[in-house]
Amino acid sequence: MDRTRTVLPVWLVMVAGCLALYSLHPEYFSLAGLKSIAADHHHLALLAYFLLLSVRGLTLIPSTPLLISGALVFDPIEVFVANMAGILTSSTLVYRYARFLGIDTALEKRYPEQTRTVRQHLEDRELPVIAGWSVCPFVQTDLIVYIASTLRTPLWKCLVGVGAGQAAIVSFYIITVKAFVPV
């Protein structure tokens, strides 16, 4: 059986489950509800936050809404550590997932010229390109990880680049939320 035919239904079931939980218990997703859960079950809430950050990259959902929510609920250091750990875990999963589904082969066949151009940029300056992409707030970091994976950029270079770029933007968001959003 084709891997993509197996993964898509699993992904759809996960999304449907999240939507069902939201429709049945919207109070859990309000700021007051999140703060209450975090206060009553701090370590469990922080673990759930980390796990959400870790798997959200596979769905290409941006981490910014989770980051802002976390900054409103948790201590800034906890948010930073959980976000960085979640982003690096997510990047690792995305990196492996791209090969698992054979996205590398599909990209090579479908977009040979564009793949060659991106490969040239990454081969010349892998770390700066990945870090620069990762620090930019309006582009999806997971996309550069997918691309780097398909182009066989070493995982450690992806993680160092993503870590450097995301550390800067995550810090900026946390400081901004704590400074300007009344809690």
C-alpha atoms as a PDB file:
ATOM      1  CA  MET A   1       0.000   0.000   0.000  1.00  0.00           C
ATOM      2  CA  ASP A   2       1.190   3.496  -0.824  1.00  0.00           C
ATOM      3  CA  ARG A   3       2.368   5.375   2.275  1.00  0.00           C
ATOM      4  CA  THR A   4       0.541   8.544   1.327  1.00  0.00           C
ATOM      5  CA  ARG A   5      -2.736   6.637   1.210  1.00  0.00           C
ATOM      6  CA  THR A   6      -2.173   5.527   4.801  1.00  0.00           C
ATOM      7  CA  VAL A   7      -0.969   8.841   6.219  1.00  0.00           C
ATOM      8  CA  LEU A   8      -3.755  11.028   4.810  1.00  0.00           C
ATOM      9  CA  PRO A   9      -6.607   9.187   6.580  1.00  0.00           C
ATOM     10  CA  VAL A  10      -4.670   9.228   9.859  1.00  0.00           C
ATOM     11  CA  TRP A  11      -4.092  12.963   9.481  1.00  0.00           C
ATOM     12  CA  LEU A  12      -7.780  13.557   8.675  1.00  0.00           C
ATOM     13  CA  VAL A  13      -8.876  11.579  11.750  1.00  0.00           C
ATOM     14  CA  MET A  14      -6.555  13.653  13.949  1.00  0.00           C
ATOM     15  CA  VAL A  15      -7.904  16.927  12.537  1.00  0.00           C
ATOM     16  CA  ALA A  16     -11.495  15.728  12.891  1.00  0.00           C
ATOM     17  CA  GLY A  17     -10.809  14.693  16.494  1.00  0.00           C
ATOM     18  CA  CYS A  18      -9.398  18.125  17.328  1.00  0.00           C
ATOM     19  CA  LEU A  19     -12.364  19.861  15.696  1.00  0.00           C
ATOM     20  CA  ALA A  20     -14.791  17.606  17.583  1.00  0.00           C
ATOM     21  CA  LEU A  21     -13.059  18.352  20.888  1.00  0.00           C
ATOM     22  CA  TYR A  22     -13.220  22.067  20.136  1.00  0.00           C
ATOM     23  CA  SER A  23     -16.913  21.936  19.222  1.00  0.00           C
ATOM     24  CA  LEU A  24     -17.825  19.857  22.297  1.00  0.00           C
ATOM     25  CA  HIS A  25     -15.670  21.800  24.787  1.00  0.00           C
ATOM     26  CA  PRO A  26     -14.843  25.284  23.467  1.00  0.00           C
ATOM     27  CA  GLU A  27     -14.277  26.471  27.045  1.00  0.00           C
ATOM     28  CA  TYR A  28     -11.036  24.473  27.147  1.00  0.00           C
ATOM     29  CA  PHE A  29      -9.667  26.604  24.337  1.00  0.00           C
ATOM     30  CA  SER A  30     -10.425  30.021  25.844  1.00  0.00           C
ATOM     31  CA  LEU A  31      -7.625  31.938  27.553  1.00  0.00           C
ATOM     32  CA  ALA A  32      -9.316  31.494  30.948  1.00  0.00           C
ATOM     33  CA  GLY A  33      -9.740  27.769  30.303  1.00  0.00           C
ATOM     34  CA  LEU A  34      -6.114  27.357  29.229  1.00  0.00           C
ATOM     35  CA  LYS A  35      -4.880  29.268  32.289  1.00  0.00           C
ATOM     36  CA  SER A  36      -7.064  27.175  34.566  1.00  0.00           C
ATOM     37  CA  ILE A  37      -5.802  23.914  33.076  1.00  0.00           C
ATOM     38  CA  ALA A  38      -2.199  25.136  33.270  1.00  0.00           C
ATOM     39  CA  ALA A  39      -2.646  26.171  36.912  1.00  0.00           C
ATOM     40  CA  ASP A  40      -4.308  22.908  37.947  1.00  0.00           C
ATOM     41  CA  HIS A  41      -2.083  20.575  35.915  1.00  0.00           C
ATOM     42  CA  HIS A  42       1.024  22.614  35.181  1.00  0.00           C
ATOM     43  CA  HIS A  43       3.462  19.871  34.165  1.00  0.00           C
ATOM     44  CA  LEU A  44       0.861  17.955  32.193  1.00  0.00           C
ATOM     45  CA  ALA A  45      -0.247  21.154  30.405  1.00  0.00           C
ATOM     46  CA  LEU A  46       3.363  21.994  29.571  1.00  0.00           C
ATOM     47  CA  LEU A  47       3.905  18.463  28.234  1.00  0.00           C
ATOM     48  CA  ALA A  48       0.734  18.716  26.109  1.00  0.00           C
ATOM     49  CA  TYR A  49       1.940  22.108  24.835  1.00  0.00           C
ATOM     50  CA  PHE A  50       5.296  20.589  23.855  1.00  0.00           C
ATOM     51  CA  LEU A  51       3.590  17.640  22.116  1.00  0.00           C
ATOM     52  CA  LEU A  52       1.323  19.976  20.119  1.00  0.00           C
ATOM     53  CA  LEU A  53       4.359  21.978  19.028  1.00  0.00           C
ATOM     54  CA  SER A  54       6.148  18.764  18.102  1.00  0.00           C
ATOM     55  CA  VAL A  55       3.496  17.351  15.766  1.00  0.00           C
ATOM     56  CA  ARG A  56       2.004  20.537  14.326  1.00  0.00           C
ATOM     57  CA  GLY A  57       4.769  20.788  11.712  1.00  0.00           C
ATOM     58  CA  LEU A  58       3.495  17.677   9.985  1.00  0.00           C
ATOM     59  CA  THR A  59       0.260  19.521   9.267  1.00  0.00           C
ATOM     60  CA  LEU A  60       2.089  22.718   8.205  1.00  0.00           C
ATOM     61  CA  ILE A  61       0.136  24.645  10.840  1.00  0.00           C
ATOM     62  CA  PRO A  62       2.170  27.690  11.917  1.00  0.00           C
ATOM     63  CA  SER A  63       3.564  27.651  15.451  1.00  0.00           C
ATOM     64  CA  THR A  64       2.896  31.368  16.062  1.00  0.00           C
ATOM     65  CA  PRO A  65      -0.656  30.951  17.466  1.00  0.00           C
ATOM     66  CA  LEU A  66       0.612  28.258  19.837  1.00  0.00           C
ATOM     67  CA  LEU A  67       3.561  30.435  20.811  1.00  0.00           C
ATOM     68  CA  ILE A  68       1.338  33.413  21.609  1.00  0.00           C
ATOM     69  CA  SER A  69      -1.059  31.197  23.580  1.00  0.00           C
ATOM     70  CA  GLY A  70       1.843  29.707  25.496  1.00  0.00           C
ATOM     71  CA  ALA A  71       3.276  33.133  26.253  1.00  0.00           C
ATOM     72  CA  LEU A  72      -0.078  34.144  27.756  1.00  0.00           C
ATOM     73  CA  VAL A  73      -0.339  31.012  29.888  1.00  0.00           C
ATOM     74  CA  PHE A  74       3.167  29.931  30.932  1.00  0.00           C
ATOM     75  CA  ASP A  75       6.323  31.493  32.322  1.00  0.00           C
ATOM     76  CA  PRO A  76       8.532  33.053  29.570  1.00  0.00           C
ATOM     77  CA  ILE A  77      11.447  30.663  30.162  1.00  0.00           C
ATOM     78  CA  GLU A  78       9.119  27.651  30.070  1.00  0.00           C
ATOM     79  CA  VAL A  79       7.547  28.910  26.847  1.00  0.00           C
ATOM     80  CA  PHE A  80      10.946  29.469  25.247  1.00  0.00           C
ATOM     81  CA  VAL A  81      12.284  26.034  26.222  1.00  0.00           C
ATOM     82  CA  ALA A  82       9.063  24.208  25.259  1.00  0.00           C
ATOM     83  CA  ASN A  83       8.878  26.057  21.927  1.00  0.00           C
ATOM     84  CA  MET A  84      12.485  25.428  21.001  1.00  0.00           C
ATOM     85  CA  ALA A  85      12.258  21.752  21.981  1.00  0.00           C
ATOM     86  CA  GLY A  86       8.942  21.427  20.116  1.00  0.00           C
ATOM     87  CA  ILE A  87      10.244  23.209  17.023  1.00  0.00           C
ATOM     88  CA  LEU A  88      13.383  21.068  16.865  1.00  0.00           C
ATOM     89  CA  THR A  89      11.356  17.899  17.425  1.00  0.00           C
ATOM     90  CA  SER A  90       8.858  19.002  14.777  1.00  0.00           C
ATOM     91  CA  SER A  91      11.676  19.817  12.354  1.00  0.00           C
ATOM     92  CA  THR A  92      13.157  16.367  12.888  1.00  0.00           C
ATOM     93  CA  LEU A  93       9.785  14.735  12.231  1.00  0.00           C
ATOM     94  CA  VAL A  94       9.218  16.866   9.130  1.00  0.00           C
ATOM     95  CA  TYR A  95      12.719  16.051   7.881  1.00  0.00           C
ATOM     96  CA  ARG A  96      12.108  12.297   8.252  1.00  0.00           C
ATOM     97  CA  TYR A  97       8.503  12.482   7.031  1.00  0.00           C
ATOM     98  CA  ALA A  98       9.504  14.017   3.693  1.00  0.00           C
ATOM     99  CA  ARG A  99      11.654  11.008   2.860  1.00  0.00           C
ATOM    100  CA  PHE A 100       9.170   8.517   4.291  1.00  0.00           C
ATOM    101  CA  LEU A 101       6.492   9.696   1.874  1.00  0.00           C
ATOM    102  CA  GLY A 102       8.894   9.995  -1.038  1.00  0.00           C
ATOM    103  CA  ILE A 103       8.365  13.727  -1.443  1.00  0.00           C
ATOM    104  CA  ASP A 104      12.010  14.055  -2.501  1.00  0.00           C
ATOM    105  CA  THR A 105      11.490  11.828  -5.532  1.00  0.00           C
ATOM    106  CA  ALA A 106       8.234  13.544  -6.470  1.00  0.00           C
ATOM    107  CA  LEU A 107       9.813  17.010  -6.301  1.00  0.00           C
ATOM    108  CA  GLU A 108      12.775  15.931  -8.400  1.00  0.00           C
ATOM    109  CA  LYS A 109      10.489  14.530 -11.100  1.00  0.00           C
ATOM    110  CA  ARG A 110       7.918  17.302 -11.103  1.00  0.00           C
ATOM    111  CA  TYR A 111      10.140  20.387 -10.615  1.00  0.00           C
ATOM    112  CA  PRO A 112      13.649  19.468 -11.786  1.00  0.00           C
ATOM    113  CA  GLU A 113      14.747  23.040 -12.613  1.00  0.00           C
ATOM    114  CA  GLN A 114      13.418  24.610  -9.398  1.00  0.00           C
ATOM    115  CA  THR A 115      14.852  21.786  -7.309  1.00  0.00           C
ATOM    116  CA  ARG A 116      18.232  22.304  -8.923  1.00  0.00           C
ATOM    117  CA  THR A 117      18.110  26.068  -8.209  1.00  0.00           C
ATOM    118  CA  VAL A 118      17.161  25.602  -4.549  1.00  0.00           C
ATOM    119  CA  ARG A 119      19.770  22.866  -4.197  1.00  0.00           C
ATOM    120  CA  GLN A 120      22.464  25.244  -5.504  1.00  0.00           C
ATOM    121  CA  HIS A 121      21.494  27.896  -2.946  1.00  0.00           C
ATOM    122  CA  LEU A 122      21.406  25.382  -0.131  1.00  0.00           C
ATOM    123  CA  GLU A 123      24.667  23.707  -1.161  1.00  0.00           C
ATOM    124  CA  ASP A 124      26.495  27.024  -1.163  1.00  0.00           C
ATOM    125  CA  ARG A 125      25.046  28.409   2.063  1.00  0.00           C
ATOM    126  CA  GLU A 126      22.953  25.796   3.870  1.00  0.00           C
ATOM    127  CA  LEU A 127      23.105  27.189   7.396  1.00  0.00           C
ATOM    128  CA  PRO A 128      22.580  30.886   6.539  1.00  0.00           C
ATOM    129  CA  VAL A 129      19.722  30.092   4.147  1.00  0.00           C
ATOM    130  CA  ILE A 130      17.935  27.841   6.655  1.00  0.00           C
ATOM    131  CA  ALA A 131      18.531  30.256   9.575  1.00  0.00           C
ATOM    132  CA  GLY A 132      17.442  33.256   7.505  1.00  0.00           C
ATOM    133  CA  TRP A 133      14.310  31.485   6.361  1.00  0.00           C
ATOM    134  CA  SER A 134      13.568  30.374   9.945  1.00  0.00           C
ATOM    135  CA  VAL A 135      13.805  33.860  11.424  1.00  0.00           C
ATOM    136  CA  CYS A 136      11.398  35.369   8.904  1.00  0.00           C
ATOM    137  CA  PRO A 137       7.957  35.607  10.563  1.00  0.00           C
ATOM    138  CA  PHE A 138       5.872  35.344   7.380  1.00  0.00           C
ATOM    139  CA  VAL A 139       7.271  32.146   5.898  1.00  0.00           C
ATOM    140  CA  GLN A 140       6.711  28.591   7.050  1.00  0.00           C
ATOM    141  CA  THR A 141       9.873  27.148   8.623  1.00  0.00           C
ATOM    142  CA  ASP A 142       8.626  23.621   7.965  1.00  0.00           C
ATOM    143  CA  LEU A 143       8.826  24.256   4.228  1.00  0.00           C
ATOM    144  CA  ILE A 144      12.581  24.862   4.296  1.00  0.00           C
ATOM    145  CA  VAL A 145      12.981  21.700   6.370  1.00  0.00           C
ATOM    146  CA  TYR A 146      10.968  19.726   3.808  1.00  0.00           C
ATOM    147  CA  ILE A 147      13.079  21.166   1.013  1.00  0.00           C
ATOM    148  CA  ALA A 148      16.356  20.602   2.858  1.00  0.00           C
ATOM    149  CA  SER A 149      15.325  17.011   3.558  1.00  0.00           C
ATOM    150  CA  THR A 150      14.477  16.321  -0.042  1.00  0.00           C
ATOM    151  CA  LEU A 151      17.814  17.795  -1.079  1.00  0.00           C
ATOM    152  CA  ARG A 152      19.637  15.587   1.447  1.00  0.00           C
ATOM    153  CA  THR A 153      20.956  18.472   3.578  1.00  0.00           C
ATOM    154  CA  PRO A 154      22.292  16.859   6.759  1.00  0.00           C
ATOM    155  CA  LEU A 155      19.760  16.868   9.604  1.00  0.00           C
ATOM    156  CA  TRP A 156      22.170  18.540  12.009  1.00  0.00           C
ATOM    157  CA  LYS A 157      22.561  21.509   9.646  1.00  0.00           C
ATOM    158  CA  CYS A 158      18.798  21.844   9.401  1.00  0.00           C
ATOM    159  CA  LEU A 159      18.419  21.766  13.171  1.00  0.00           C
ATOM    160  CA  VAL A 160      21.229  24.265  13.791  1.00  0.00           C
ATOM    161  CA  GLY A 161      19.810  26.652  11.173  1.00  0.00           C
ATOM    162  CA  VAL A 162      16.227  26.281  12.364  1.00  0.00           C
ATOM    163  CA  GLY A 163      17.325  26.581  15.997  1.00  0.00           C
ATOM    164  CA  ALA A 164      19.284  29.774  15.377  1.00  0.00           C
ATOM    165  CA  GLY A 165      16.529  31.435  13.379  1.00  0.00           C
ATOM    166  CA  GLN A 166      13.674  30.314  15.574  1.00  0.00           C
ATOM    167  CA  ALA A 167      15.438  31.247  18.830  1.00  0.00           C
ATOM    168  CA  ALA A 168      15.488  34.852  17.660  1.00  0.00           C
ATOM    169  CA  ILE A 169      11.867  35.002  16.496  1.00  0.00           C
ATOM    170  CA  VAL A 170      10.516  33.022  19.474  1.00  0.00           C
ATOM    171  CA  SER A 171      12.310  35.375  21.872  1.00  0.00           C
ATOM    172  CA  PHE A 172      10.909  38.392  20.037  1.00  0.00           C
ATOM    173  CA  TYR A 173       7.339  37.078  20.215  1.00  0.00           C
ATOM    174  CA  ILE A 174       7.571  36.153  23.898  1.00  0.00           C
ATOM    175  CA  ILE A 175       9.004  39.548  24.854  1.00  0.00           C
ATOM    176  CA  THR A 176       6.397  41.362  22.748  1.00  0.00           C
ATOM    177  CA  VAL A 177       3.457  39.377  24.145  1.00  0.00           C
ATOM    178  CA  LYS A 178       4.636  39.800  27.755  1.00  0.00           C
ATOM    179  CA  ALA A 179       5.261  43.532  27.252  1.00  0.00           C
ATOM    180  CA  PHE A 180       2.147  44.535  25.314  1.00  0.00           C
ATOM    181  CA  VAL A 181      -0.655  42.055  25.984  1.00  0.00           C
ATOM    182  CA  PRO A 182      -2.477  42.564  29.286  1.00  0.00           C
ATOM    183  CA  VAL A 183      -2.960  39.300  31.104  1.00  0.00           C
END
